[in-house]
Amino acid sequence: MPVHGVRQINVPWAEERSQFTALLEALAIDWLRETSQSAVARRLKLSWAEVHGIMKRAVARGLARREHELILFLGIDETSFHKRHEYVTVVSDLTGARVLYVGDGRSRESIDGFYESLTPQQLEGIEAAAMDMWEPYIGSTHAYVPGAKSKRSCSTSSTLSRTC
């Protein structure tokens, strides 16, 4: 029996603590851009959880590379999946037409996670936020975005803008 037990070393062809090579993960990510996690799992003969882990690591790498740029106009909404009452909160950059954040549920905590990921300069730079009249989203925006309460609100949504 060895004295020191099992030891792991980092290798250049795989991410730390991943059981897959970087090449296999890159292939899975390319396929995930085209189809579902279940389909990729079937084709690569992996479990859904393994494919989901590959996707989560790729998202984490992408977020780590994202620059702290100013986001002027936010879109905040929830969506349900499978026509059930399971929701995710989606925050979009309305200028860049891209998703910035997806949080579990449609609670205050689900949107707080987005605002907590921003720098003070990014929070200051938010000009407007278009969202449902959903109190958790409004409350979080008022708590995190400097001056949000003093910005004019448009009557059709909870848009906080200097130009409505």
C-alpha atoms as a PDB file:
ATOM      1  CA  MET A   1       0.000   0.000   0.000  1.00  0.00           C
ATOM      2  CA  PRO A   2       1.443   3.378  -0.999  1.00  0.00           C
ATOM      3  CA  VAL A   3       2.384   5.777   1.769  1.00  0.00           C
ATOM      4  CA  HIS A   4       0.984   8.938   0.189  1.00  0.00           C
ATOM      5  CA  GLY A   5      -2.221   7.636  -1.433  1.00  0.00           C
ATOM      6  CA  VAL A   6      -3.629   9.006  -4.685  1.00  0.00           C
ATOM      7  CA  ARG A   7      -2.168  12.205  -6.090  1.00  0.00           C
ATOM      8  CA  GLN A   8      -3.396  14.306  -8.977  1.00  0.00           C
ATOM      9  CA  ILE A   9      -1.244  16.397 -11.238  1.00  0.00           C
ATOM     10  CA  ASN A  10      -2.209  19.086 -13.710  1.00  0.00           C
ATOM     11  CA  VAL A  11      -1.727  18.187 -17.359  1.00  0.00           C
ATOM     12  CA  PRO A  12      -1.658  20.573 -20.326  1.00  0.00           C
ATOM     13  CA  TRP A  13      -4.388  18.733 -22.257  1.00  0.00           C
ATOM     14  CA  ALA A  14      -7.131  18.931 -19.619  1.00  0.00           C
ATOM     15  CA  GLU A  15      -8.594  21.451 -17.212  1.00  0.00           C
ATOM     16  CA  GLU A  16      -7.928  20.899 -13.524  1.00  0.00           C
ATOM     17  CA  ARG A  17     -10.422  18.441 -11.987  1.00  0.00           C
ATOM     18  CA  SER A  18     -11.953  17.608 -15.372  1.00  0.00           C
ATOM     19  CA  GLN A  19     -12.146  13.985 -16.389  1.00  0.00           C
ATOM     20  CA  PHE A  20     -12.106  14.939 -20.084  1.00  0.00           C
ATOM     21  CA  THR A  21      -9.437  16.248 -22.430  1.00  0.00           C
ATOM     22  CA  ALA A  22      -9.633  19.825 -23.658  1.00  0.00           C
ATOM     23  CA  LEU A  23     -10.204  18.497 -27.193  1.00  0.00           C
ATOM     24  CA  LEU A  24     -13.266  16.461 -26.152  1.00  0.00           C
ATOM     25  CA  GLU A  25     -14.656  19.405 -24.195  1.00  0.00           C
ATOM     26  CA  ALA A  26     -14.148  21.688 -27.223  1.00  0.00           C
ATOM     27  CA  LEU A  27     -16.033  19.201 -29.409  1.00  0.00           C
ATOM     28  CA  ALA A  28     -18.888  18.998 -26.885  1.00  0.00           C
ATOM     29  CA  ILE A  29     -19.103  22.808 -26.706  1.00  0.00           C
ATOM     30  CA  ASP A  30     -19.226  23.082 -30.513  1.00  0.00           C
ATOM     31  CA  TRP A  31     -22.074  20.562 -30.594  1.00  0.00           C
ATOM     32  CA  LEU A  32     -23.887  22.294 -27.717  1.00  0.00           C
ATOM     33  CA  ARG A  33     -24.083  25.403 -29.900  1.00  0.00           C
ATOM     34  CA  GLU A  34     -26.175  23.386 -32.350  1.00  0.00           C
ATOM     35  CA  THR A  35     -28.262  21.014 -30.239  1.00  0.00           C
ATOM     36  CA  SER A  36     -29.430  20.042 -26.753  1.00  0.00           C
ATOM     37  CA  GLN A  37     -27.413  18.654 -23.867  1.00  0.00           C
ATOM     38  CA  SER A  38     -29.293  15.361 -24.169  1.00  0.00           C
ATOM     39  CA  ALA A  39     -28.399  15.007 -27.851  1.00  0.00           C
ATOM     40  CA  VAL A  40     -24.717  15.742 -27.202  1.00  0.00           C
ATOM     41  CA  ALA A  41     -24.716  13.246 -24.326  1.00  0.00           C
ATOM     42  CA  ARG A  42     -26.170  10.532 -26.599  1.00  0.00           C
ATOM     43  CA  ARG A  43     -23.698  11.187 -29.422  1.00  0.00           C
ATOM     44  CA  LEU A  44     -20.633  11.319 -27.159  1.00  0.00           C
ATOM     45  CA  LYS A  45     -21.898   8.473 -24.947  1.00  0.00           C
ATOM     46  CA  LEU A  46     -21.721  10.654 -21.853  1.00  0.00           C
ATOM     47  CA  SER A  47     -24.272  11.272 -19.153  1.00  0.00           C
ATOM     48  CA  TRP A  48     -26.377  14.422 -19.200  1.00  0.00           C
ATOM     49  CA  ALA A  49     -24.610  15.503 -15.972  1.00  0.00           C
ATOM     50  CA  GLU A  50     -21.176  15.124 -17.592  1.00  0.00           C
ATOM     51  CA  VAL A  51     -22.221  17.260 -20.569  1.00  0.00           C
ATOM     52  CA  HIS A  52     -23.762  19.806 -18.200  1.00  0.00           C
ATOM     53  CA  GLY A  53     -20.445  19.942 -16.295  1.00  0.00           C
ATOM     54  CA  ILE A  54     -18.575  20.574 -19.548  1.00  0.00           C
ATOM     55  CA  MET A  55     -20.997  23.392 -20.361  1.00  0.00           C
ATOM     56  CA  LYS A  56     -20.700  24.940 -16.880  1.00  0.00           C
ATOM     57  CA  ARG A  57     -16.888  24.950 -17.106  1.00  0.00           C
ATOM     58  CA  ALA A  58     -17.053  26.591 -20.548  1.00  0.00           C
ATOM     59  CA  VAL A  59     -19.423  29.287 -19.274  1.00  0.00           C
ATOM     60  CA  ALA A  60     -17.151  29.923 -16.271  1.00  0.00           C
ATOM     61  CA  ARG A  61     -14.140  30.291 -18.594  1.00  0.00           C
ATOM     62  CA  GLY A  62     -16.071  32.710 -20.811  1.00  0.00           C
ATOM     63  CA  LEU A  63     -17.240  34.802 -17.871  1.00  0.00           C
ATOM     64  CA  ALA A  64     -13.694  34.953 -16.490  1.00  0.00           C
ATOM     65  CA  ARG A  65     -12.503  36.353 -19.845  1.00  0.00           C
ATOM     66  CA  ARG A  66     -15.317  38.904 -20.101  1.00  0.00           C
ATOM     67  CA  GLU A  67     -14.110  42.442 -19.706  1.00  0.00           C
ATOM     68  CA  HIS A  68     -15.811  44.764 -17.256  1.00  0.00           C
ATOM     69  CA  GLU A  69     -17.444  46.913 -19.906  1.00  0.00           C
ATOM     70  CA  LEU A  70     -20.229  49.379 -19.294  1.00  0.00           C
ATOM     71  CA  ILE A  71     -23.739  48.106 -19.917  1.00  0.00           C
ATOM     72  CA  LEU A  72     -26.064  51.005 -20.616  1.00  0.00           C
ATOM     73  CA  PHE A  73     -29.424  49.316 -21.186  1.00  0.00           C
ATOM     74  CA  LEU A  74     -30.570  46.155 -19.414  1.00  0.00           C
ATOM     75  CA  GLY A  75     -33.469  43.874 -20.189  1.00  0.00           C
ATOM     76  CA  ILE A  76     -34.622  41.801 -17.204  1.00  0.00           C
ATOM     77  CA  ASP A  77     -37.270  39.119 -17.552  1.00  0.00           C
ATOM     78  CA  GLU A  78     -38.149  35.649 -16.387  1.00  0.00           C
ATOM     79  CA  THR A  79     -38.955  32.651 -18.511  1.00  0.00           C
ATOM     80  CA  SER A  80     -40.383  29.271 -17.630  1.00  0.00           C
ATOM     81  CA  PHE A  81     -39.428  26.025 -19.199  1.00  0.00           C
ATOM     82  CA  HIS A  82     -41.448  22.959 -20.090  1.00  0.00           C
ATOM     83  CA  LYS A  83     -44.664  24.963 -19.478  1.00  0.00           C
ATOM     84  CA  ARG A  84     -44.238  24.473 -15.762  1.00  0.00           C
ATOM     85  CA  HIS A  85     -43.737  26.869 -12.930  1.00  0.00           C
ATOM     86  CA  GLU A  86     -39.960  26.506 -13.027  1.00  0.00           C
ATOM     87  CA  TYR A  87     -38.426  29.865 -13.825  1.00  0.00           C
ATOM     88  CA  VAL A  88     -35.074  31.418 -14.627  1.00  0.00           C
ATOM     89  CA  THR A  89     -34.252  35.115 -14.576  1.00  0.00           C
ATOM     90  CA  VAL A  90     -32.560  36.343 -17.753  1.00  0.00           C
ATOM     91  CA  VAL A  91     -30.626  39.623 -17.932  1.00  0.00           C
ATOM     92  CA  SER A  92     -29.769  40.897 -21.400  1.00  0.00           C
ATOM     93  CA  ASP A  93     -27.658  43.709 -22.787  1.00  0.00           C
ATOM     94  CA  LEU A  94     -30.216  45.484 -24.951  1.00  0.00           C
ATOM     95  CA  THR A  95     -27.542  47.336 -26.924  1.00  0.00           C
ATOM     96  CA  GLY A  96     -25.288  44.352 -27.601  1.00  0.00           C
ATOM     97  CA  ALA A  97     -28.198  41.893 -27.983  1.00  0.00           C
ATOM     98  CA  ARG A  98     -26.650  39.250 -25.743  1.00  0.00           C
ATOM     99  CA  VAL A  99     -27.494  37.407 -22.586  1.00  0.00           C
ATOM    100  CA  LEU A 100     -25.416  38.576 -19.635  1.00  0.00           C
ATOM    101  CA  TYR A 101     -26.783  36.425 -16.843  1.00  0.00           C
ATOM    102  CA  VAL A 102     -29.181  33.590 -16.107  1.00  0.00           C
ATOM    103  CA  GLY A 103     -30.244  33.039 -12.494  1.00  0.00           C
ATOM    104  CA  ASP A 104     -32.345  30.253 -10.983  1.00  0.00           C
ATOM    105  CA  GLY A 105     -35.907  31.262 -10.162  1.00  0.00           C
ATOM    106  CA  ARG A 106     -37.534  34.668 -10.308  1.00  0.00           C
ATOM    107  CA  SER A 107     -36.775  35.878  -6.815  1.00  0.00           C
ATOM    108  CA  ARG A 108     -34.861  38.833  -5.465  1.00  0.00           C
ATOM    109  CA  GLU A 109     -31.838  36.560  -4.948  1.00  0.00           C
ATOM    110  CA  SER A 110     -31.883  35.466  -8.585  1.00  0.00           C
ATOM    111  CA  ILE A 111     -31.390  39.056  -9.798  1.00  0.00           C
ATOM    112  CA  ASP A 112     -29.152  40.106  -6.887  1.00  0.00           C
ATOM    113  CA  GLY A 113     -26.557  37.641  -8.192  1.00  0.00           C
ATOM    114  CA  PHE A 114     -26.300  39.604 -11.417  1.00  0.00           C
ATOM    115  CA  TYR A 115     -25.888  42.989  -9.763  1.00  0.00           C
ATOM    116  CA  GLU A 116     -23.328  41.584  -7.316  1.00  0.00           C
ATOM    117  CA  SER A 117     -21.192  40.446 -10.267  1.00  0.00           C
ATOM    118  CA  LEU A 118     -20.842  44.028 -11.561  1.00  0.00           C
ATOM    119  CA  THR A 119     -18.197  46.557 -10.606  1.00  0.00           C
ATOM    120  CA  PRO A 120     -19.238  49.879  -9.025  1.00  0.00           C
ATOM    121  CA  GLN A 121     -18.426  51.611 -12.334  1.00  0.00           C
ATOM    122  CA  GLN A 122     -20.693  49.230 -14.238  1.00  0.00           C
ATOM    123  CA  LEU A 123     -23.531  49.828 -11.790  1.00  0.00           C
ATOM    124  CA  GLU A 124     -23.077  53.606 -12.158  1.00  0.00           C
ATOM    125  CA  GLY A 125     -23.128  53.267 -15.946  1.00  0.00           C
ATOM    126  CA  ILE A 126     -26.576  51.683 -16.183  1.00  0.00           C
ATOM    127  CA  GLU A 127     -28.832  54.203 -17.924  1.00  0.00           C
ATOM    128  CA  ALA A 128     -32.054  52.180 -18.093  1.00  0.00           C
ATOM    129  CA  ALA A 129     -33.487  48.814 -17.131  1.00  0.00           C
ATOM    130  CA  ALA A 130     -36.575  47.459 -18.900  1.00  0.00           C
ATOM    131  CA  MET A 131     -38.355  44.815 -16.817  1.00  0.00           C
ATOM    132  CA  ASP A 132     -41.699  43.422 -15.749  1.00  0.00           C
ATOM    133  CA  MET A 133     -43.515  45.098 -12.899  1.00  0.00           C
ATOM    134  CA  TRP A 134     -42.197  42.337 -10.644  1.00  0.00           C
ATOM    135  CA  GLU A 135     -41.363  43.634  -7.186  1.00  0.00           C
ATOM    136  CA  PRO A 136     -38.261  41.458  -6.595  1.00  0.00           C
ATOM    137  CA  TYR A 137     -36.655  42.827  -9.783  1.00  0.00           C
ATOM    138  CA  ILE A 138     -37.636  46.409  -9.024  1.00  0.00           C
ATOM    139  CA  GLY A 139     -36.411  46.155  -5.420  1.00  0.00           C
ATOM    140  CA  SER A 140     -33.080  44.671  -6.412  1.00  0.00           C
ATOM    141  CA  THR A 141     -32.545  47.291  -9.113  1.00  0.00           C
ATOM    142  CA  HIS A 142     -33.346  50.088  -6.643  1.00  0.00           C
ATOM    143  CA  ALA A 143     -30.931  48.560  -4.121  1.00  0.00           C
ATOM    144  CA  TYR A 144     -27.978  48.081  -6.473  1.00  0.00           C
ATOM    145  CA  VAL A 145     -28.172  50.709  -9.215  1.00  0.00           C
ATOM    146  CA  PRO A 146     -27.098  54.120  -7.897  1.00  0.00           C
ATOM    147  CA  GLY A 147     -29.816  56.705  -8.417  1.00  0.00           C
ATOM    148  CA  ALA A 148     -32.356  54.168  -9.724  1.00  0.00           C
ATOM    149  CA  LYS A 149     -35.095  55.450  -7.429  1.00  0.00           C
ATOM    150  CA  SER A 150     -34.596  59.025  -8.585  1.00  0.00           C
ATOM    151  CA  LYS A 151     -34.643  58.146 -12.293  1.00  0.00           C
ATOM    152  CA  ARG A 152     -37.996  58.629 -13.975  1.00  0.00           C
ATOM    153  CA  SER A 153     -40.176  55.562 -14.478  1.00  0.00           C
ATOM    154  CA  CYS A 154     -42.185  54.980 -17.644  1.00  0.00           C
ATOM    155  CA  SER A 155     -45.741  53.799 -17.070  1.00  0.00           C
ATOM    156  CA  THR A 156     -45.632  50.810 -19.446  1.00  0.00           C
ATOM    157  CA  SER A 157     -42.898  49.018 -17.527  1.00  0.00           C
ATOM    158  CA  SER A 158     -40.512  49.524 -14.691  1.00  0.00           C
ATOM    159  CA  THR A 159     -38.002  51.229 -16.982  1.00  0.00           C
ATOM    160  CA  LEU A 160     -35.596  53.455 -15.159  1.00  0.00           C
ATOM    161  CA  SER A 161     -34.336  56.047 -17.565  1.00  0.00           C
ATOM    162  CA  ARG A 162     -33.301  59.650 -17.799  1.00  0.00           C
ATOM    163  CA  THR A 163     -34.870  59.902 -21.254  1.00  0.00           C
ATOM    164  CA  CYS A 164     -38.392  58.330 -20.984  1.00  0.00           C
END
